[in-house]
Amino acid sequence: MIAIYLILGLLVIRGIETYYFIRRVSKVCYKYDWALVNDGNELLLLDMVDEDYIMKKEWSAYNFLFLKGPSPLSMFLSFKSMTIENQYNNKVVDRLKNYEII
C-alpha cells in the first residue's frame, strides 16, 4: 500500500514539474520571438499580427519548441530533469542561446 502511494506521489510531482516546465518554455518562446523582432527583423512583426503565426511560421520558437519538439507526454515519461538542455536537442538550445534567452 505504501509503495502505491509512493508511486502515485512521484507521478503527481512529475506532472507538476512538467506543467511548470511547459509554462517556462512558453515564456522562453515569447522572449525569443520578441528578441528576434527587436534584433532588426521588423518585418516579422507583421507576421506576429496574424493569430496563427505560431503554427505557420518556422522562425517562431513556439513552432520549433512545441510543435516540432518533444510532446508533453514524452517529457513526463522521460527520466531526464526538466531543463531545456535536457529535453531539447543541441540545435534548438544553440538557437536559443544566440539571443541569450536561456
C-alpha atoms as a PDB file:
ATOM      1  CA  MET A   1       0.000   0.000   0.000  1.00  0.00           C
ATOM      2  CA  ILE A   2       2.838   2.394   0.828  1.00  0.00           C
ATOM      3  CA  ALA A   3       4.506   1.571  -2.492  1.00  0.00           C
ATOM      4  CA  ILE A   4       1.356   2.542  -4.393  1.00  0.00           C
ATOM      5  CA  TYR A   5       1.149   5.865  -2.550  1.00  0.00           C
ATOM      6  CA  LEU A   6       4.828   6.464  -3.233  1.00  0.00           C
ATOM      7  CA  ILE A   7       4.433   5.812  -6.947  1.00  0.00           C
ATOM      8  CA  LEU A   8       1.315   7.978  -7.145  1.00  0.00           C
ATOM      9  CA  GLY A   9       3.107  10.750  -5.264  1.00  0.00           C
ATOM     10  CA  LEU A  10       6.050  10.602  -7.669  1.00  0.00           C
ATOM     11  CA  LEU A  11       3.702  10.734 -10.656  1.00  0.00           C
ATOM     12  CA  VAL A  12       1.886  13.747  -9.233  1.00  0.00           C
ATOM     13  CA  ILE A  13       5.182  15.515  -8.555  1.00  0.00           C
ATOM     14  CA  ARG A  14       6.419  14.736 -12.079  1.00  0.00           C
ATOM     15  CA  GLY A  15       3.141  16.060 -13.515  1.00  0.00           C
ATOM     16  CA  ILE A  16       3.536  19.321 -11.590  1.00  0.00           C
ATOM     17  CA  GLU A  17       7.169  19.613 -12.755  1.00  0.00           C
ATOM     18  CA  THR A  18       6.070  19.056 -16.360  1.00  0.00           C
ATOM     19  CA  TYR A  19       3.333  21.675 -16.077  1.00  0.00           C
ATOM     20  CA  TYR A  20       5.693  24.340 -14.731  1.00  0.00           C
ATOM     21  CA  PHE A  21       8.363  23.396 -17.274  1.00  0.00           C
ATOM     22  CA  ILE A  22       5.911  23.892 -20.136  1.00  0.00           C
ATOM     23  CA  ARG A  23       4.981  27.293 -18.682  1.00  0.00           C
ATOM     24  CA  ARG A  24       8.695  28.254 -18.529  1.00  0.00           C
ATOM     25  CA  VAL A  25       9.175  27.119 -22.133  1.00  0.00           C
ATOM     26  CA  SER A  26       6.198  29.246 -23.174  1.00  0.00           C
ATOM     27  CA  LYS A  27       7.844  32.288 -21.581  1.00  0.00           C
ATOM     28  CA  VAL A  28      11.093  31.462 -23.385  1.00  0.00           C
ATOM     29  CA  CYS A  29       9.170  31.288 -26.662  1.00  0.00           C
ATOM     30  CA  TYR A  30       7.643  34.701 -26.061  1.00  0.00           C
ATOM     31  CA  LYS A  31      11.039  36.234 -25.221  1.00  0.00           C
ATOM     32  CA  TYR A  32      12.709  34.605 -28.227  1.00  0.00           C
ATOM     33  CA  ASP A  33      10.092  35.813 -30.696  1.00  0.00           C
ATOM     34  CA  TRP A  34      10.307  39.389 -29.415  1.00  0.00           C
ATOM     35  CA  ALA A  35      14.127  39.283 -29.284  1.00  0.00           C
ATOM     36  CA  LEU A  36      14.110  38.201 -32.910  1.00  0.00           C
ATOM     37  CA  VAL A  37      11.830  41.127 -33.841  1.00  0.00           C
ATOM     38  CA  ASN A  38      13.893  43.610 -31.815  1.00  0.00           C
ATOM     39  CA  ASP A  39      17.108  42.375 -33.432  1.00  0.00           C
ATOM     40  CA  GLY A  40      16.285  44.227 -36.628  1.00  0.00           C
ATOM     41  CA  ASN A  41      13.706  41.940 -38.147  1.00  0.00           C
ATOM     42  CA  GLU A  42      10.801  44.356 -38.063  1.00  0.00           C
ATOM     43  CA  LEU A  43       9.073  42.523 -40.902  1.00  0.00           C
ATOM     44  CA  LEU A  44       8.498  39.632 -38.523  1.00  0.00           C
ATOM     45  CA  LEU A  45       6.268  41.943 -36.520  1.00  0.00           C
ATOM     46  CA  LEU A  46       3.816  41.853 -39.413  1.00  0.00           C
ATOM     47  CA  ASP A  47       3.840  38.056 -39.158  1.00  0.00           C
ATOM     48  CA  MET A  48       3.123  38.271 -35.440  1.00  0.00           C
ATOM     49  CA  VAL A  49      -0.066  40.241 -36.104  1.00  0.00           C
ATOM     50  CA  ASP A  50      -1.544  37.114 -37.652  1.00  0.00           C
ATOM     51  CA  GLU A  51      -3.237  34.981 -34.994  1.00  0.00           C
ATOM     52  CA  ASP A  52      -1.855  31.715 -36.381  1.00  0.00           C
ATOM     53  CA  TYR A  53       1.771  32.787 -36.789  1.00  0.00           C
ATOM     54  CA  ILE A  54       2.722  30.302 -34.072  1.00  0.00           C
ATOM     55  CA  MET A  55       1.511  27.410 -36.197  1.00  0.00           C
ATOM     56  CA  LYS A  56       2.603  28.667 -39.607  1.00  0.00           C
ATOM     57  CA  LYS A  57       5.919  30.466 -39.222  1.00  0.00           C
ATOM     58  CA  GLU A  58       9.109  28.400 -38.972  1.00  0.00           C
ATOM     59  CA  TRP A  59      11.017  31.178 -37.201  1.00  0.00           C
ATOM     60  CA  SER A  60       8.701  31.211 -34.192  1.00  0.00           C
ATOM     61  CA  ALA A  61      10.028  29.496 -31.083  1.00  0.00           C
ATOM     62  CA  TYR A  62       6.540  28.191 -30.399  1.00  0.00           C
ATOM     63  CA  ASN A  63       6.794  26.282 -33.661  1.00  0.00           C
ATOM     64  CA  PHE A  64      10.170  24.625 -33.110  1.00  0.00           C
ATOM     65  CA  LEU A  65       9.807  24.093 -29.348  1.00  0.00           C
ATOM     66  CA  PHE A  66       6.194  22.965 -29.058  1.00  0.00           C
ATOM     67  CA  LEU A  67       5.076  21.704 -32.459  1.00  0.00           C
ATOM     68  CA  LYS A  68       8.335  20.096 -33.605  1.00  0.00           C
ATOM     69  CA  GLY A  69       9.778  19.384 -30.179  1.00  0.00           C
ATOM     70  CA  PRO A  70       9.045  16.537 -27.801  1.00  0.00           C
ATOM     71  CA  SER A  71       5.481  16.041 -26.681  1.00  0.00           C
ATOM     72  CA  PRO A  72       4.450  16.807 -23.093  1.00  0.00           C
ATOM     73  CA  LEU A  73       3.771  13.114 -22.566  1.00  0.00           C
ATOM     74  CA  SER A  74       7.305  12.142 -23.615  1.00  0.00           C
ATOM     75  CA  MET A  75       8.676  14.860 -21.299  1.00  0.00           C
ATOM     76  CA  PHE A  76       6.553  13.491 -18.466  1.00  0.00           C
ATOM     77  CA  LEU A  77       7.683   9.917 -19.046  1.00  0.00           C
ATOM     78  CA  SER A  78      11.382  10.677 -19.523  1.00  0.00           C
ATOM     79  CA  PHE A  79      13.773  10.308 -16.630  1.00  0.00           C
ATOM     80  CA  LYS A  80      15.646  13.483 -17.585  1.00  0.00           C
ATOM     81  CA  SER A  81      15.393  16.592 -15.463  1.00  0.00           C
ATOM     82  CA  MET A  82      13.118  19.359 -16.687  1.00  0.00           C
ATOM     83  CA  THR A  83      15.579  21.729 -18.322  1.00  0.00           C
ATOM     84  CA  ILE A  84      15.655  22.955 -21.886  1.00  0.00           C
ATOM     85  CA  GLU A  85      19.131  21.495 -22.353  1.00  0.00           C
ATOM     86  CA  ASN A  86      17.950  18.018 -21.350  1.00  0.00           C
ATOM     87  CA  GLN A  87      14.603  17.948 -23.131  1.00  0.00           C
ATOM     88  CA  TYR A  88      15.578  19.501 -26.489  1.00  0.00           C
ATOM     89  CA  ASN A  89      18.391  18.807 -28.948  1.00  0.00           C
ATOM     90  CA  ASN A  90      21.570  20.876 -29.161  1.00  0.00           C
ATOM     91  CA  LYS A  91      20.473  22.674 -32.337  1.00  0.00           C
ATOM     92  CA  VAL A  92      17.454  24.176 -30.553  1.00  0.00           C
ATOM     93  CA  VAL A  93      19.492  25.055 -27.465  1.00  0.00           C
ATOM     94  CA  ASP A  94      22.120  26.837 -29.576  1.00  0.00           C
ATOM     95  CA  ARG A  95      19.392  28.718 -31.413  1.00  0.00           C
ATOM     96  CA  LEU A  96      18.006  29.998 -28.103  1.00  0.00           C
ATOM     97  CA  LYS A  97      21.454  30.828 -26.742  1.00  0.00           C
ATOM     98  CA  ASN A  98      22.106  33.100 -29.734  1.00  0.00           C
ATOM     99  CA  TYR A  99      19.603  35.504 -28.230  1.00  0.00           C
ATOM    100  CA  GLU A 100      20.664  34.771 -24.627  1.00  0.00           C
ATOM    101  CA  ILE A 101      17.198  33.576 -23.708  1.00  0.00           C
ATOM    102  CA  ILE A 102      18.374  30.644 -21.593  1.00  0.00           C
END
